[in-house]
Amino acid sequence: MNKIMLSDLKLGENGYVRKIFLTGDIKRRLQDLGFVDGSLIKCVLKSPLKDPTAYFIKGTTIAIREEIAQNILIERV
């Protein structure tokens, strides 16, 4: 298996969400946005300074800061 953190996903690559290593409101908010085990996610846009990065998940594009993306485990496709 090729498991990496979401922040390591390159532009245009896909992966499946496997685990969120955050707690509380931020974890709940991510889950509400579709970051649940098995969800397909694609890196669609990186800002010039790499923060934030936009990801396509569950039919919508969401920008995530690197400090949060470093706490989301994905399995690269």
PDB file of N, CA and C in Angstrom:
ATOM      1  N   MET A   1       0.830  -1.185   0.000  1.00  0.00           N
ATOM      2  CA  MET A   1       0.000   0.000   0.000  1.00  0.00           C
ATOM      3  C   MET A   1       0.876   1.250   0.000  1.00  0.00           C
ATOM      4  N   ASN A   2       0.378   2.264  -0.633  1.00  0.00           N
ATOM      5  CA  ASN A   2       1.122   3.512  -0.785  1.00  0.00           C
ATOM      6  C   ASN A   2       0.439   4.605   0.035  1.00  0.00           C
ATOM      7  N   LYS A   3       0.637   4.579   1.335  1.00  0.00           N
ATOM      8  CA  LYS A   3      -0.026   5.552   2.213  1.00  0.00           C
ATOM      9  C   LYS A   3       0.892   6.737   2.464  1.00  0.00           C
ATOM     10  N   ILE A   4       0.323   7.924   2.298  1.00  0.00           N
ATOM     11  CA  ILE A   4       1.046   9.176   2.510  1.00  0.00           C
ATOM     12  C   ILE A   4       0.105  10.162   3.191  1.00  0.00           C
ATOM     13  N   MET A   5       0.647  11.283   3.591  1.00  0.00           N
ATOM     14  CA  MET A   5      -0.192  12.336   4.139  1.00  0.00           C
ATOM     15  C   MET A   5      -0.769  13.145   2.972  1.00  0.00           C
ATOM     16  N   LEU A   6      -1.921  13.717   3.163  1.00  0.00           N
ATOM     17  CA  LEU A   6      -2.583  14.482   2.115  1.00  0.00           C
ATOM     18  C   LEU A   6      -1.695  15.602   1.587  1.00  0.00           C
ATOM     19  N   SER A   7      -0.914  16.221   2.439  1.00  0.00           N
ATOM     20  CA  SER A   7      -0.030  17.316   2.022  1.00  0.00           C
ATOM     21  C   SER A   7       1.035  16.858   1.023  1.00  0.00           C
ATOM     22  N   ASP A   8       1.312  15.544   0.961  1.00  0.00           N
ATOM     23  CA  ASP A   8       2.314  15.001   0.036  1.00  0.00           C
ATOM     24  C   ASP A   8       1.729  14.608  -1.317  1.00  0.00           C
ATOM     25  N   LEU A   9       0.417  14.699  -1.471  1.00  0.00           N
ATOM     26  CA  LEU A   9      -0.228  14.361  -2.735  1.00  0.00           C
ATOM     27  C   LEU A   9       0.135  15.417  -3.772  1.00  0.00           C
ATOM     28  N   LYS A  10       0.596  14.974  -4.929  1.00  0.00           N
ATOM     29  CA  LYS A  10       1.017  15.901  -5.973  1.00  0.00           C
ATOM     30  C   LYS A  10      -0.174  16.348  -6.816  1.00  0.00           C
ATOM     31  N   LEU A  11       0.004  17.466  -7.466  1.00  0.00           N
ATOM     32  CA  LEU A  11      -1.027  18.032  -8.333  1.00  0.00           C
ATOM     33  C   LEU A  11      -1.486  16.997  -9.357  1.00  0.00           C
ATOM     34  N   GLY A  12      -2.789  16.765  -9.423  1.00  0.00           N
ATOM     35  CA  GLY A  12      -3.368  15.820 -10.368  1.00  0.00           C
ATOM     36  C   GLY A  12      -3.476  14.396  -9.854  1.00  0.00           C
ATOM     37  N   GLU A  13      -2.873  14.104  -8.715  1.00  0.00           N
ATOM     38  CA  GLU A  13      -2.936  12.748  -8.171  1.00  0.00           C
ATOM     39  C   GLU A  13      -4.219  12.539  -7.365  1.00  0.00           C
ATOM     40  N   ASN A  14      -4.619  11.267  -7.274  1.00  0.00           N
ATOM     41  CA  ASN A  14      -5.806  10.859  -6.527  1.00  0.00           C
ATOM     42  C   ASN A  14      -5.415   9.978  -5.361  1.00  0.00           C
ATOM     43  N   GLY A  15      -6.286   9.926  -4.380  1.00  0.00           N
ATOM     44  CA  GLY A  15      -6.090   9.016  -3.261  1.00  0.00           C
ATOM     45  C   GLY A  15      -7.384   8.823  -2.508  1.00  0.00           C
ATOM     46  N   TYR A  16      -7.381   7.841  -1.625  1.00  0.00           N
ATOM     47  CA  TYR A  16      -8.537   7.573  -0.785  1.00  0.00           C
ATOM     48  C   TYR A  16      -8.216   7.990   0.646  1.00  0.00           C
ATOM     49  N   VAL A  17      -9.133   8.697   1.260  1.00  0.00           N
ATOM     50  CA  VAL A  17      -8.956   9.094   2.656  1.00  0.00           C
ATOM     51  C   VAL A  17      -8.960   7.826   3.505  1.00  0.00           C
ATOM     52  N   ARG A  18      -7.997   7.730   4.411  1.00  0.00           N
ATOM     53  CA  ARG A  18      -7.918   6.575   5.295  1.00  0.00           C
ATOM     54  C   ARG A  18      -8.079   6.938   6.766  1.00  0.00           C
ATOM     55  N   LYS A  19      -7.501   8.065   7.220  1.00  0.00           N
ATOM     56  CA  LYS A  19      -7.611   8.417   8.632  1.00  0.00           C
ATOM     57  C   LYS A  19      -7.308   9.897   8.831  1.00  0.00           C
ATOM     58  N   ILE A  20      -8.014  10.498   9.780  1.00  0.00           N
ATOM     59  CA  ILE A  20      -7.773  11.891  10.164  1.00  0.00           C
ATOM     60  C   ILE A  20      -7.174  11.878  11.567  1.00  0.00           C
ATOM     61  N   PHE A  21      -5.981  12.441  11.712  1.00  0.00           N
ATOM     62  CA  PHE A  21      -5.293  12.467  13.001  1.00  0.00           C
ATOM     63  C   PHE A  21      -5.539  13.777  13.743  1.00  0.00           C
ATOM     64  N   LEU A  22      -6.729  14.301  13.633  1.00  0.00           N
ATOM     65  CA  LEU A  22      -7.123  15.527  14.331  1.00  0.00           C
ATOM     66  C   LEU A  22      -8.293  15.187  15.236  1.00  0.00           C
ATOM     67  N   THR A  23      -8.624  16.098  16.144  1.00  0.00           N
ATOM     68  CA  THR A  23      -9.735  15.846  17.056  1.00  0.00           C
ATOM     69  C   THR A  23     -10.656  17.060  17.107  1.00  0.00           C
ATOM     70  N   GLY A  24     -11.766  16.879  17.761  1.00  0.00           N
ATOM     71  CA  GLY A  24     -12.668  17.985  18.035  1.00  0.00           C
ATOM     72  C   GLY A  24     -13.386  18.542  16.823  1.00  0.00           C
ATOM     73  N   ASP A  25     -13.627  19.859  16.893  1.00  0.00           N
ATOM     74  CA  ASP A  25     -14.418  20.544  15.865  1.00  0.00           C
ATOM     75  C   ASP A  25     -13.816  20.439  14.474  1.00  0.00           C
ATOM     76  N   ILE A  26     -12.492  20.522  14.368  1.00  0.00           N
ATOM     77  CA  ILE A  26     -11.868  20.488  13.037  1.00  0.00           C
ATOM     78  C   ILE A  26     -12.069  19.126  12.379  1.00  0.00           C
ATOM     79  N   LYS A  27     -11.955  18.054  13.156  1.00  0.00           N
ATOM     80  CA  LYS A  27     -12.179  16.711  12.598  1.00  0.00           C
ATOM     81  C   LYS A  27     -13.635  16.562  12.164  1.00  0.00           C
ATOM     82  N   ARG A  28     -14.543  17.022  13.001  1.00  0.00           N
ATOM     83  CA  ARG A  28     -15.965  16.931  12.684  1.00  0.00           C
ATOM     84  C   ARG A  28     -16.287  17.720  11.416  1.00  0.00           C
ATOM     85  N   ARG A  29     -15.697  18.904  11.288  1.00  0.00           N
ATOM     86  CA  ARG A  29     -15.940  19.734  10.102  1.00  0.00           C
ATOM     87  C   ARG A  29     -15.417  19.047   8.837  1.00  0.00           C
ATOM     88  N   LEU A  30     -14.231  18.466   8.914  1.00  0.00           N
ATOM     89  CA  LEU A  30     -13.682  17.739   7.767  1.00  0.00           C
ATOM     90  C   LEU A  30     -14.584  16.563   7.391  1.00  0.00           C
ATOM     91  N   GLN A  31     -15.074  15.850   8.378  1.00  0.00           N
ATOM     92  CA  GLN A  31     -15.975  14.726   8.106  1.00  0.00           C
ATOM     93  C   GLN A  31     -17.268  15.208   7.461  1.00  0.00           C
ATOM     94  N   ASP A  32     -17.772  16.346   7.912  1.00  0.00           N
ATOM     95  CA  ASP A  32     -18.974  16.919   7.309  1.00  0.00           C
ATOM     96  C   ASP A  32     -18.752  17.290   5.847  1.00  0.00           C
ATOM     97  N   LEU A  33     -17.515  17.661   5.508  1.00  0.00           N
ATOM     98  CA  LEU A  33     -17.176  18.032   4.140  1.00  0.00           C
ATOM     99  C   LEU A  33     -16.887  16.817   3.261  1.00  0.00           C
ATOM    100  N   GLY A  34     -16.898  15.617   3.840  1.00  0.00           N
ATOM    101  CA  GLY A  34     -16.707  14.403   3.047  1.00  0.00           C
ATOM    102  C   GLY A  34     -15.404  13.677   3.292  1.00  0.00           C
ATOM    103  N   PHE A  35     -14.590  14.137   4.217  1.00  0.00           N
ATOM    104  CA  PHE A  35     -13.325  13.483   4.528  1.00  0.00           C
ATOM    105  C   PHE A  35     -13.580  12.308   5.463  1.00  0.00           C
ATOM    106  N   VAL A  36     -14.092  11.225   4.876  1.00  0.00           N
ATOM    107  CA  VAL A  36     -14.366  10.001   5.626  1.00  0.00           C
ATOM    108  C   VAL A  36     -13.626   8.852   4.945  1.00  0.00           C
ATOM    109  N   ASP A  37     -13.371   7.791   5.706  1.00  0.00           N
ATOM    110  CA  ASP A  37     -12.621   6.654   5.188  1.00  0.00           C
ATOM    111  C   ASP A  37     -13.219   6.156   3.873  1.00  0.00           C
ATOM    112  N   GLY A  38     -12.386   6.066   2.856  1.00  0.00           N
ATOM    113  CA  GLY A  38     -12.809   5.561   1.556  1.00  0.00           C
ATOM    114  C   GLY A  38     -13.185   6.615   0.539  1.00  0.00           C
ATOM    115  N   SER A  39     -13.267   7.881   0.947  1.00  0.00           N
ATOM    116  CA  SER A  39     -13.620   8.942   0.003  1.00  0.00           C
ATOM    117  C   SER A  39     -12.461   9.220  -0.948  1.00  0.00           C
ATOM    118  N   LEU A  40     -12.769   9.311  -2.230  1.00  0.00           N
ATOM    119  CA  LEU A  40     -11.760   9.636  -3.234  1.00  0.00           C
ATOM    120  C   LEU A  40     -11.490  11.132  -3.213  1.00  0.00           C
ATOM    121  N   ILE A  41     -10.205  11.505  -3.213  1.00  0.00           N
ATOM    122  CA  ILE A  41      -9.811  12.904  -3.178  1.00  0.00           C
ATOM    123  C   ILE A  41      -8.754  13.144  -4.240  1.00  0.00           C
ATOM    124  N   LYS A  42      -8.804  14.323  -4.866  1.00  0.00           N
ATOM    125  CA  LYS A  42      -7.847  14.669  -5.919  1.00  0.00           C
ATOM    126  C   LYS A  42      -7.270  16.046  -5.633  1.00  0.00           C
ATOM    127  N   CYS A  43      -5.965  16.179  -5.794  1.00  0.00           N
ATOM    128  CA  CYS A  43      -5.298  17.474  -5.648  1.00  0.00           C
ATOM    129  C   CYS A  43      -5.489  18.235  -6.965  1.00  0.00           C
ATOM    130  N   VAL A  44      -6.186  19.371  -6.901  1.00  0.00           N
ATOM    131  CA  VAL A  44      -6.527  20.087  -8.128  1.00  0.00           C
ATOM    132  C   VAL A  44      -5.830  21.434  -8.292  1.00  0.00           C
ATOM    133  N   LEU A  45      -5.321  22.011  -7.214  1.00  0.00           N
ATOM    134  CA  LEU A  45      -4.682  23.321  -7.330  1.00  0.00           C
ATOM    135  C   LEU A  45      -3.755  23.566  -6.148  1.00  0.00           C
ATOM    136  N   LYS A  46      -2.532  23.964  -6.442  1.00  0.00           N
ATOM    137  CA  LYS A  46      -1.587  24.331  -5.385  1.00  0.00           C
ATOM    138  C   LYS A  46      -1.286  25.805  -5.534  1.00  0.00           C
ATOM    139  N   SER A  47      -1.415  26.550  -4.455  1.00  0.00           N
ATOM    140  CA  SER A  47      -1.095  27.974  -4.502  1.00  0.00           C
ATOM    141  C   SER A  47       0.422  28.132  -4.629  1.00  0.00           C
ATOM    142  N   PRO A  48       0.878  29.290  -5.067  1.00  0.00           N
ATOM    143  CA  PRO A  48       2.318  29.492  -5.287  1.00  0.00           C
ATOM    144  C   PRO A  48       3.187  29.159  -4.076  1.00  0.00           C
ATOM    145  N   LEU A  49       2.695  29.402  -2.884  1.00  0.00           N
ATOM    146  CA  LEU A  49       3.475  29.102  -1.682  1.00  0.00           C
ATOM    147  C   LEU A  49       3.062  27.775  -1.042  1.00  0.00           C
ATOM    148  N   LYS A  50       2.256  26.984  -1.765  1.00  0.00           N
ATOM    149  CA  LYS A  50       1.761  25.670  -1.345  1.00  0.00           C
ATOM    150  C   LYS A  50       0.811  25.718  -0.151  1.00  0.00           C
ATOM    151  N   ASP A  51       0.302  26.863   0.166  1.00  0.00           N
ATOM    152  CA  ASP A  51      -0.600  26.954   1.306  1.00  0.00           C
ATOM    153  C   ASP A  51      -1.630  28.043   1.069  1.00  0.00           C
ATOM    154  N   PRO A  52      -2.899  27.748   0.889  1.00  0.00           N
ATOM    155  CA  PRO A  52      -3.501  26.422   0.965  1.00  0.00           C
ATOM    156  C   PRO A  52      -3.430  25.677  -0.375  1.00  0.00           C
ATOM    157  N   THR A  53      -3.895  24.431  -0.340  1.00  0.00           N
ATOM    158  CA  THR A  53      -4.000  23.593  -1.530  1.00  0.00           C
ATOM    159  C   THR A  53      -5.463  23.215  -1.687  1.00  0.00           C
ATOM    160  N   ALA A  54      -5.945  23.193  -2.934  1.00  0.00           N
ATOM    161  CA  ALA A  54      -7.343  22.846  -3.202  1.00  0.00           C
ATOM    162  C   ALA A  54      -7.449  21.376  -3.599  1.00  0.00           C
ATOM    163  N   TYR A  55      -8.451  20.731  -3.022  1.00  0.00           N
ATOM    164  CA  TYR A  55      -8.714  19.314  -3.278  1.00  0.00           C
ATOM    165  C   TYR A  55     -10.165  19.150  -3.710  1.00  0.00           C
ATOM    166  N   PHE A  56     -10.390  18.201  -4.626  1.00  0.00           N
ATOM    167  CA  PHE A  56     -11.741  17.885  -5.079  1.00  0.00           C
ATOM    168  C   PHE A  56     -12.178  16.618  -4.361  1.00  0.00           C
ATOM    169  N   ILE A  57     -13.282  16.727  -3.613  1.00  0.00           N
ATOM    170  CA  ILE A  57     -13.803  15.588  -2.855  1.00  0.00           C
ATOM    171  C   ILE A  57     -15.326  15.690  -2.792  1.00  0.00           C
ATOM    172  N   LYS A  58     -15.981  14.578  -3.030  1.00  0.00           N
ATOM    173  CA  LYS A  58     -17.446  14.508  -2.925  1.00  0.00           C
ATOM    174  C   LYS A  58     -18.157  15.603  -3.733  1.00  0.00           C
ATOM    175  N   GLY A  59     -17.654  15.902  -4.945  1.00  0.00           N
ATOM    176  CA  GLY A  59     -18.332  16.841  -5.830  1.00  0.00           C
ATOM    177  C   GLY A  59     -18.058  18.308  -5.571  1.00  0.00           C
ATOM    178  N   THR A  60     -17.116  18.621  -4.702  1.00  0.00           N
ATOM    179  CA  THR A  60     -16.806  20.022  -4.413  1.00  0.00           C
ATOM    180  C   THR A  60     -15.307  20.217  -4.236  1.00  0.00           C
ATOM    181  N   THR A  61     -14.857  21.436  -4.429  1.00  0.00           N
ATOM    182  CA  THR A  61     -13.452  21.777  -4.248  1.00  0.00           C
ATOM    183  C   THR A  61     -13.289  22.498  -2.919  1.00  0.00           C
ATOM    184  N   ILE A  62     -12.344  22.019  -2.127  1.00  0.00           N
ATOM    185  CA  ILE A  62     -12.113  22.555  -0.789  1.00  0.00           C
ATOM    186  C   ILE A  62     -10.640  22.900  -0.625  1.00  0.00           C
ATOM    187  N   ALA A  63     -10.354  24.100  -0.136  1.00  0.00           N
ATOM    188  CA  ALA A  63      -8.975  24.514   0.126  1.00  0.00           C
ATOM    189  C   ALA A  63      -8.622  24.162   1.570  1.00  0.00           C
ATOM    190  N   ILE A  64      -7.472  23.522   1.729  1.00  0.00           N
ATOM    191  CA  ILE A  64      -7.023  23.075   3.045  1.00  0.00           C
ATOM    192  C   ILE A  64      -5.608  23.601   3.291  1.00  0.00           C
ATOM    193  N   ARG A  65      -5.378  24.102   4.472  1.00  0.00           N
ATOM    194  CA  ARG A  65      -4.041  24.552   4.858  1.00  0.00           C
ATOM    195  C   ARG A  65      -3.127  23.340   5.069  1.00  0.00           C
ATOM    196  N   GLU A  66      -1.844  23.542   4.813  1.00  0.00           N
ATOM    197  CA  GLU A  66      -0.882  22.450   4.911  1.00  0.00           C
ATOM    198  C   GLU A  66      -0.851  21.834   6.310  1.00  0.00           C
ATOM    199  N   GLU A  67      -0.960  22.655   7.347  1.00  0.00           N
ATOM    200  CA  GLU A  67      -0.914  22.130   8.717  1.00  0.00           C
ATOM    201  C   GLU A  67      -2.050  21.157   9.000  1.00  0.00           C
ATOM    202  N   ILE A  68      -3.158  21.308   8.315  1.00  0.00           N
ATOM    203  CA  ILE A  68      -4.268  20.360   8.457  1.00  0.00           C
ATOM    204  C   ILE A  68      -4.050  19.153   7.548  1.00  0.00           C
ATOM    205  N   ALA A  69      -3.619  19.399   6.308  1.00  0.00           N
ATOM    206  CA  ALA A  69      -3.389  18.318   5.343  1.00  0.00           C
ATOM    207  C   ALA A  69      -2.313  17.342   5.823  1.00  0.00           C
ATOM    208  N   GLN A  70      -1.406  17.805   6.659  1.00  0.00           N
ATOM    209  CA  GLN A  70      -0.352  16.932   7.205  1.00  0.00           C
ATOM    210  C   GLN A  70      -0.913  15.940   8.221  1.00  0.00           C
ATOM    211  N   ASN A  71      -2.166  16.091   8.588  1.00  0.00           N
ATOM    212  CA  ASN A  71      -2.793  15.211   9.572  1.00  0.00           C
ATOM    213  C   ASN A  71      -3.890  14.332   8.972  1.00  0.00           C
ATOM    214  N   ILE A  72      -3.892  14.206   7.644  1.00  0.00           N
ATOM    215  CA  ILE A  72      -4.876  13.365   6.968  1.00  0.00           C
ATOM    216  C   ILE A  72      -4.130  12.304   6.171  1.00  0.00           C
ATOM    217  N   LEU A  73      -4.320  11.055   6.556  1.00  0.00           N
ATOM    218  CA  LEU A  73      -3.666   9.938   5.888  1.00  0.00           C
ATOM    219  C   LEU A  73      -4.488   9.515   4.687  1.00  0.00           C
ATOM    220  N   ILE A  74      -3.819   9.351   3.556  1.00  0.00           N
ATOM    221  CA  ILE A  74      -4.520   8.874   2.352  1.00  0.00           C
ATOM    222  C   ILE A  74      -3.739   7.711   1.745  1.00  0.00           C
ATOM    223  N   GLU A  75      -4.424   6.955   0.926  1.00  0.00           N
ATOM    224  CA  GLU A  75      -3.802   5.876   0.172  1.00  0.00           C
ATOM    225  C   GLU A  75      -3.804   6.319  -1.294  1.00  0.00           C
ATOM    226  N   ARG A  76      -2.610   6.561  -1.811  1.00  0.00           N
ATOM    227  CA  ARG A  76      -2.494   7.065  -3.186  1.00  0.00           C
ATOM    228  C   ARG A  76      -2.970   6.023  -4.181  1.00  0.00           C
ATOM    229  N   VAL A  77      -3.681   6.473  -5.217  1.00  0.00           N
ATOM    230  CA  VAL A  77      -4.183   5.574  -6.263  1.00  0.00           C
ATOM    231  C   VAL A  77      -3.116   5.446  -7.326  1.00  0.00           C
TER     232      VAL A  77
END
